[in-house]
Amino acid sequence: MTISNVVNWSITGSSRFWKSYGLQDKPARAIPSEWYAYTILHDSYVNEHLSREIMAKLYIGEGTYYRLRRQALRGLTRVLLETGAVAQVS
């Protein structure tokens, strides 16, 4: 299973949570900053959007985008390891 598949599998279930609050994949108003990490991972790995499209959608620069993506991937990895969803690679 590739990292893309793991992220896709992990985030797809969260999209029900995202939509339960009435938020769509492309909201009409600006996305709250609390949702940036989720949006970056979802749009990158599930919707396969280009990085520049996501940066434009969130109104953020390249440095901020890559920092948030790195933090989100580390957080997701930590949660997956803690829950035992994936085996730790040595």
C-alpha atoms as a PDB file:
ATOM      1  CA  MET A   1       0.000   0.000   0.000  1.00  0.00           C
ATOM      2  CA  THR A   2       1.508   3.342  -1.044  1.00  0.00           C
ATOM      3  CA  ILE A   3       1.434   6.521   1.056  1.00  0.00           C
ATOM      4  CA  SER A   4      -1.078   7.952  -1.392  1.00  0.00           C
ATOM      5  CA  ASN A   5      -3.415   4.991  -0.814  1.00  0.00           C
ATOM      6  CA  VAL A   6      -3.076   5.246   2.979  1.00  0.00           C
ATOM      7  CA  VAL A   7      -3.785   8.984   2.947  1.00  0.00           C
ATOM      8  CA  ASN A   8      -6.723   8.486   0.579  1.00  0.00           C
ATOM      9  CA  TRP A   9      -8.138   5.711   2.792  1.00  0.00           C
ATOM     10  CA  SER A  10      -7.681   7.796   5.945  1.00  0.00           C
ATOM     11  CA  ILE A  11      -9.165  10.984   4.568  1.00  0.00           C
ATOM     12  CA  THR A  12     -12.106   9.543   2.675  1.00  0.00           C
ATOM     13  CA  GLY A  13     -13.803   8.576   5.927  1.00  0.00           C
ATOM     14  CA  SER A  14     -13.200  12.086   7.245  1.00  0.00           C
ATOM     15  CA  SER A  15     -15.017  13.632   4.301  1.00  0.00           C
ATOM     16  CA  ARG A  16     -18.306  12.502   5.867  1.00  0.00           C
ATOM     17  CA  PHE A  17     -17.313  14.520   8.952  1.00  0.00           C
ATOM     18  CA  TRP A  18     -16.393  17.499   6.733  1.00  0.00           C
ATOM     19  CA  LYS A  19     -19.719  17.374   4.923  1.00  0.00           C
ATOM     20  CA  SER A  20     -21.729  16.800   8.125  1.00  0.00           C
ATOM     21  CA  TYR A  21     -20.949  20.424   9.000  1.00  0.00           C
ATOM     22  CA  GLY A  22     -22.318  21.586   5.680  1.00  0.00           C
ATOM     23  CA  LEU A  23     -18.893  22.216   4.133  1.00  0.00           C
ATOM     24  CA  GLN A  24     -18.397  21.129   0.561  1.00  0.00           C
ATOM     25  CA  ASP A  25     -15.165  20.372  -1.278  1.00  0.00           C
ATOM     26  CA  LYS A  26     -15.241  23.849  -2.810  1.00  0.00           C
ATOM     27  CA  PRO A  27     -17.001  26.224  -0.397  1.00  0.00           C
ATOM     28  CA  ALA A  28     -18.269  29.584  -1.604  1.00  0.00           C
ATOM     29  CA  ARG A  29     -16.445  31.436   1.192  1.00  0.00           C
ATOM     30  CA  ALA A  30     -12.904  31.238   2.496  1.00  0.00           C
ATOM     31  CA  ILE A  31     -11.998  28.016   4.302  1.00  0.00           C
ATOM     32  CA  PRO A  32     -11.237  28.443   8.021  1.00  0.00           C
ATOM     33  CA  SER A  33      -7.547  28.016   8.806  1.00  0.00           C
ATOM     34  CA  GLU A  34      -8.370  25.038  11.057  1.00  0.00           C
ATOM     35  CA  TRP A  35      -9.295  23.112   7.892  1.00  0.00           C
ATOM     36  CA  TYR A  36      -6.153  23.923   5.882  1.00  0.00           C
ATOM     37  CA  ALA A  37      -4.290  20.711   6.757  1.00  0.00           C
ATOM     38  CA  TYR A  38      -7.305  18.543   5.927  1.00  0.00           C
ATOM     39  CA  THR A  39      -7.974  20.460   2.720  1.00  0.00           C
ATOM     40  CA  ILE A  40      -4.360  20.131   1.583  1.00  0.00           C
ATOM     41  CA  LEU A  41      -4.306  16.363   2.143  1.00  0.00           C
ATOM     42  CA  HIS A  42      -7.785  15.788   0.717  1.00  0.00           C
ATOM     43  CA  ASP A  43      -7.235  17.840  -2.404  1.00  0.00           C
ATOM     44  CA  SER A  44      -3.709  16.483  -2.942  1.00  0.00           C
ATOM     45  CA  TYR A  45      -4.267  12.759  -2.401  1.00  0.00           C
ATOM     46  CA  VAL A  46      -7.999  12.165  -2.891  1.00  0.00           C
ATOM     47  CA  ASN A  47      -8.900  14.724  -5.566  1.00  0.00           C
ATOM     48  CA  GLU A  48      -5.369  14.767  -7.053  1.00  0.00           C
ATOM     49  CA  HIS A  49      -5.313  18.549  -7.516  1.00  0.00           C
ATOM     50  CA  LEU A  50      -2.076  20.341  -8.297  1.00  0.00           C
ATOM     51  CA  SER A  51      -0.268  22.121  -5.477  1.00  0.00           C
ATOM     52  CA  ARG A  52      -0.667  25.523  -7.118  1.00  0.00           C
ATOM     53  CA  GLU A  53      -4.458  25.011  -7.377  1.00  0.00           C
ATOM     54  CA  ILE A  54      -4.670  24.238  -3.662  1.00  0.00           C
ATOM     55  CA  MET A  55      -2.488  27.227  -2.780  1.00  0.00           C
ATOM     56  CA  ALA A  56      -4.773  29.472  -4.816  1.00  0.00           C
ATOM     57  CA  LYS A  57      -7.880  27.970  -3.211  1.00  0.00           C
ATOM     58  CA  LEU A  58      -6.513  28.600   0.297  1.00  0.00           C
ATOM     59  CA  TYR A  59      -4.838  31.932  -0.529  1.00  0.00           C
ATOM     60  CA  ILE A  60      -1.506  30.776   0.896  1.00  0.00           C
ATOM     61  CA  GLY A  61       2.072  30.906  -0.315  1.00  0.00           C
ATOM     62  CA  GLU A  62       4.291  28.041  -1.346  1.00  0.00           C
ATOM     63  CA  GLY A  63       6.254  27.933   1.918  1.00  0.00           C
ATOM     64  CA  THR A  64       3.098  27.847   4.017  1.00  0.00           C
ATOM     65  CA  TYR A  65       1.578  25.172   1.810  1.00  0.00           C
ATOM     66  CA  TYR A  66       4.535  22.798   2.113  1.00  0.00           C
ATOM     67  CA  ARG A  67       4.895  23.428   5.859  1.00  0.00           C
ATOM     68  CA  LEU A  68       1.205  22.665   6.460  1.00  0.00           C
ATOM     69  CA  ARG A  69       1.338  19.595   4.229  1.00  0.00           C
ATOM     70  CA  ARG A  70       4.381  18.262   6.079  1.00  0.00           C
ATOM     71  CA  GLN A  71       2.705  18.849   9.460  1.00  0.00           C
ATOM     72  CA  ALA A  72      -0.526  17.215   8.278  1.00  0.00           C
ATOM     73  CA  LEU A  73       1.296  14.129   6.953  1.00  0.00           C
ATOM     74  CA  ARG A  74       3.248  13.785  10.205  1.00  0.00           C
ATOM     75  CA  GLY A  75       0.043  14.109  12.224  1.00  0.00           C
ATOM     76  CA  LEU A  76      -1.770  11.565  10.089  1.00  0.00           C
ATOM     77  CA  THR A  77       1.183   9.184  10.332  1.00  0.00           C
ATOM     78  CA  ARG A  78       1.237   9.551  14.123  1.00  0.00           C
ATOM     79  CA  VAL A  79      -2.500   8.813  14.386  1.00  0.00           C
ATOM     80  CA  LEU A  80      -2.261   5.796  12.069  1.00  0.00           C
ATOM     81  CA  LEU A  81       0.656   4.373  14.055  1.00  0.00           C
ATOM     82  CA  GLU A  82      -1.041   4.998  17.416  1.00  0.00           C
ATOM     83  CA  THR A  83      -4.254   3.323  16.310  1.00  0.00           C
ATOM     84  CA  GLY A  84      -2.394   0.414  14.752  1.00  0.00           C
ATOM     85  CA  ALA A  85      -3.939   1.042  11.349  1.00  0.00           C
ATOM     86  CA  VAL A  86      -0.557   0.493   9.692  1.00  0.00           C
ATOM     87  CA  ALA A  87       2.553  -1.383  10.736  1.00  0.00           C
ATOM     88  CA  GLN A  88       5.611   0.683  11.606  1.00  0.00           C
ATOM     89  CA  VAL A  89       8.358   0.380   9.010  1.00  0.00           C
ATOM     90  CA  SER A  90      11.856  -0.124  10.413  1.00  0.00           C
END
